[in-house]
């Protein structure tokens, strides 16, 4: 299981930008400086007009206006912050992460400010987040939503990418979610 740092994420975004546009990051940064957008919204509009969206757009916004503080944190520091006010849930999170070798051959863990993404080589297939002080939710991306009473609607927590969520309140619950993680992994290979 690989863990992707923010620096690696930035490198991936740079490569994505250059593949998608045929221009280097340095070239884009110079163009953005020349355009001198008044604010982030203006920059996003300017980039969208030039076909730059998604992660590539986010990269250029951060390059121009500065990276958020959490980009400089390690994955462990971000996780510690996520569970600082809910320490009873940290073992649940740790149990999910410990079971990832059973899920798929190439799961990448990417820590975010408020959640952890789980990726296949192709894309995110699940997310893990302590959404309340008494529950960890595992968001899952399925090609076809399975019928199961424990699978709940994903809601808008993860920008519509996840199709369901599985609530966990105890370490013993993790056994039940491993099979769903496997299926979501296969659906997103």
Protein backbone atom coordinates (compact mmCIF):
# COMPACT_ATOMS: atom_id res chain seq x y z
CA UNK A 1 0.00 0.00 0.00
CA UNK A 2 1.48 3.33 -1.08
CA UNK A 3 0.89 6.64 0.66
CA UNK A 4 0.97 9.72 -1.53
CA UNK A 5 2.32 12.91 0.01
CA UNK A 6 1.17 16.38 -0.95
CA UNK A 7 4.46 16.92 -2.73
CA UNK A 8 3.81 13.83 -4.84
CA UNK A 9 0.26 15.05 -5.45
CA UNK A 10 1.68 18.37 -6.67
CA UNK A 11 4.09 16.54 -9.01
CA UNK A 12 1.18 14.50 -10.35
CA UNK A 13 -0.84 17.70 -10.91
CA UNK A 14 2.10 19.31 -12.74
CA UNK A 15 2.38 16.29 -15.05
CA UNK A 16 -1.40 16.34 -15.60
CA UNK A 17 -1.34 20.05 -16.47
CA UNK A 18 1.53 19.60 -18.92
CA UNK A 19 -0.05 16.55 -20.59
CA UNK A 20 -3.44 18.23 -20.89
CA UNK A 21 -2.21 21.57 -22.20
CA UNK A 22 1.19 20.95 -23.78
CA UNK A 23 2.65 23.82 -21.74
CA UNK A 24 4.96 23.70 -18.73
CA UNK A 25 4.07 24.88 -15.25
CA UNK A 26 6.58 27.73 -15.64
CA UNK A 27 4.83 28.86 -18.83
CA UNK A 28 1.42 28.77 -17.14
CA UNK A 29 2.70 30.62 -14.08
CA UNK A 30 4.11 33.36 -16.32
CA UNK A 31 0.79 33.62 -18.20
CA UNK A 32 -1.16 33.83 -14.95
CA UNK A 33 1.15 36.58 -13.64
CA UNK A 34 0.66 38.49 -16.89
CA UNK A 35 -3.13 38.10 -16.71
CA UNK A 36 -2.99 39.37 -13.10
CA UNK A 37 -6.41 38.08 -11.96
CA UNK A 38 -8.04 40.09 -9.17
CA UNK A 39 -9.02 37.07 -7.11
CA UNK A 40 -9.38 33.30 -7.15
CA UNK A 41 -12.75 33.37 -8.91
CA UNK A 42 -11.33 35.52 -11.70
CA UNK A 43 -8.38 33.18 -12.10
CA UNK A 44 -10.62 30.10 -12.20
CA UNK A 45 -12.78 31.76 -14.88
CA UNK A 46 -9.69 32.73 -16.89
CA UNK A 47 -8.32 29.17 -16.67
CA UNK A 48 -11.68 27.60 -17.54
CA UNK A 49 -11.82 29.76 -20.69
CA UNK A 50 -8.49 28.18 -21.65
CA UNK A 51 -9.70 24.64 -20.96
CA UNK A 52 -7.89 24.22 -17.63
CA UNK A 53 -10.14 22.57 -15.06
CA UNK A 54 -10.00 20.14 -12.16
CA UNK A 55 -6.69 19.33 -10.50
CA UNK A 56 -4.69 21.30 -13.07
CA UNK A 57 -6.75 24.39 -12.29
CA UNK A 58 -6.36 23.84 -8.55
CA UNK A 59 -2.58 23.63 -9.02
CA UNK A 60 -2.42 26.97 -10.82
CA UNK A 61 -4.67 28.64 -8.24
CA UNK A 62 -2.35 27.44 -5.47
CA UNK A 63 0.74 28.43 -7.43
CA UNK A 64 -0.60 31.99 -7.81
CA UNK A 65 -2.36 32.62 -4.49
CA UNK A 66 -0.36 30.30 -2.25
CA UNK A 67 -0.72 26.77 -0.97
CA UNK A 68 -2.98 26.11 2.00
CA UNK A 69 -1.23 25.45 5.30
CA UNK A 70 -2.32 21.81 5.31
CA UNK A 71 -0.28 21.14 2.15
CA UNK A 72 2.86 21.43 4.24
CA UNK A 73 1.69 18.85 6.79
CA UNK A 74 2.58 15.18 6.70
CA UNK A 75 -0.14 12.60 6.26
CA UNK A 76 0.16 11.56 9.89
CA UNK A 77 -0.15 15.17 11.07
CA UNK A 78 -3.33 15.58 9.04
CA UNK A 79 -4.80 12.35 10.42
CA UNK A 80 -3.91 13.37 13.97
CA UNK A 81 -5.80 16.63 13.43
CA UNK A 82 -8.81 14.79 11.98
CA UNK A 83 -9.11 12.63 15.09
CA UNK A 84 -7.86 15.08 17.74
CA UNK A 85 -11.34 15.75 19.12
CA UNK A 86 -12.59 12.17 18.58
CA UNK A 87 -9.80 9.89 19.82
CA UNK A 88 -12.16 6.92 20.29
CA UNK A 89 -12.57 6.79 16.48
CA UNK A 90 -8.87 6.67 15.61
CA UNK A 91 -8.70 2.87 16.17
CA UNK A 92 -11.59 2.48 13.69
CA UNK A 93 -9.69 4.47 11.08
CA UNK A 94 -6.48 2.54 11.78
CA UNK A 95 -8.36 -0.78 11.42
CA UNK A 96 -9.68 0.25 7.97
CA UNK A 97 -6.18 1.23 6.82
CA UNK A 98 -4.70 -1.99 8.21
CA UNK A 99 -7.11 -4.05 6.08
CA UNK A 100 -6.23 -2.33 2.77
CA UNK A 101 -3.80 -5.08 1.64
CA UNK A 102 -6.89 -7.34 1.45
CA UNK A 103 -8.74 -4.86 -0.79
CA UNK A 104 -6.56 -4.57 -3.88
CA UNK A 105 -2.99 -4.95 -5.09
CA UNK A 106 -2.22 -1.27 -5.56
CA UNK A 107 -4.20 0.85 -3.09
CA UNK A 108 -2.77 4.34 -2.64
CA UNK A 109 -3.64 6.30 0.49
CA UNK A 110 -3.88 10.06 0.05
CA UNK A 111 -4.43 12.12 3.17
CA UNK A 112 -6.48 15.28 2.84
CA UNK A 113 -7.33 17.96 5.37
CA UNK A 114 -10.62 16.40 6.53
CA UNK A 115 -10.61 12.89 5.04
CA UNK A 116 -8.43 10.18 3.51
CA UNK A 117 -8.83 9.11 -0.12
CA UNK A 118 -8.20 5.54 -1.24
CA UNK A 119 -7.15 5.22 -4.87
CA UNK A 120 -6.76 2.51 -7.46
CA UNK A 121 -4.13 3.25 -10.13
CA UNK A 122 -7.03 4.83 -12.07
CA UNK A 123 -9.00 6.90 -9.55
CA UNK A 124 -10.49 7.31 -6.07
CA UNK A 125 -12.63 4.36 -5.09
CA UNK A 126 -13.28 5.18 -1.43
CA UNK A 127 -12.83 7.82 1.24
CA UNK A 128 -12.59 7.52 5.01
CA UNK A 129 -13.73 10.37 7.26
CA UNK A 130 -14.75 10.90 10.87
CA UNK A 131 -17.87 12.82 9.94
CA UNK A 132 -19.25 12.92 13.47
CA UNK A 133 -17.72 12.46 16.91
CA UNK A 134 -19.29 9.00 17.10
CA UNK A 135 -18.89 7.63 13.56
CA UNK A 136 -16.37 7.08 10.79
CA UNK A 137 -17.92 6.98 7.32
CA UNK A 138 -16.40 5.02 4.48
CA UNK A 139 -17.58 6.55 1.22
CA UNK A 140 -17.63 4.06 -1.66
CA UNK A 141 -17.76 4.52 -5.44
CA UNK A 142 -19.70 1.71 -7.10
CA UNK A 143 -20.48 1.24 -10.79
CA UNK A 144 -23.90 -0.12 -9.73
CA UNK A 145 -25.17 0.56 -6.22
CA UNK A 146 -25.55 -2.76 -4.36
CA UNK A 147 -28.64 -3.40 -2.26
CA UNK A 148 -27.69 -3.59 1.41
CA UNK A 149 -29.35 -2.01 4.46
CA UNK A 150 -26.00 -0.83 5.88
CA UNK A 151 -25.10 1.08 2.69
CA UNK A 152 -26.49 4.59 2.97
CA UNK A 153 -26.71 7.40 0.40
CA UNK A 154 -23.35 9.12 0.07
CA UNK A 155 -24.76 12.63 0.22
CA UNK A 156 -22.73 15.58 -0.99
CA UNK A 157 -19.75 15.05 1.34
CA UNK A 158 -17.39 13.96 -1.44
CA UNK A 159 -18.57 16.05 -4.40
CA UNK A 160 -20.83 13.33 -5.75
CA UNK A 161 -17.95 10.96 -6.55
CA UNK A 162 -19.00 8.43 -3.93
CA UNK A 163 -22.26 6.58 -4.51
CA UNK A 164 -22.74 5.15 -1.01
CA UNK A 165 -21.37 5.34 2.51
CA UNK A 166 -20.89 2.72 5.16
CA UNK A 167 -20.99 3.96 8.77
CA UNK A 168 -18.52 2.52 11.28
CA UNK A 169 -18.81 3.08 15.02
CA UNK A 170 -16.49 0.36 16.28
CA UNK A 171 -13.44 -1.63 15.17
CA UNK A 172 -15.62 -4.74 14.87
CA UNK A 173 -17.63 -3.01 12.12
CA UNK A 174 -14.56 -2.94 9.86
CA UNK A 175 -14.95 -6.63 8.93
CA UNK A 176 -18.26 -5.77 7.25
CA UNK A 177 -16.85 -2.97 5.08
CA UNK A 178 -13.83 -4.86 3.67
CA UNK A 179 -15.93 -6.72 1.09
CA UNK A 180 -17.51 -3.46 -0.06
CA UNK A 181 -14.07 -1.87 -0.34
CA UNK A 182 -12.97 -4.81 -2.55
CA UNK A 183 -15.99 -4.36 -4.81
CA UNK A 184 -15.48 -0.59 -5.07
CA UNK A 185 -11.80 -1.20 -5.87
CA UNK A 186 -12.73 -3.62 -8.69
CA UNK A 187 -15.36 -1.19 -10.02
CA UNK A 188 -12.70 1.50 -10.32
CA UNK A 189 -9.64 -0.37 -11.60
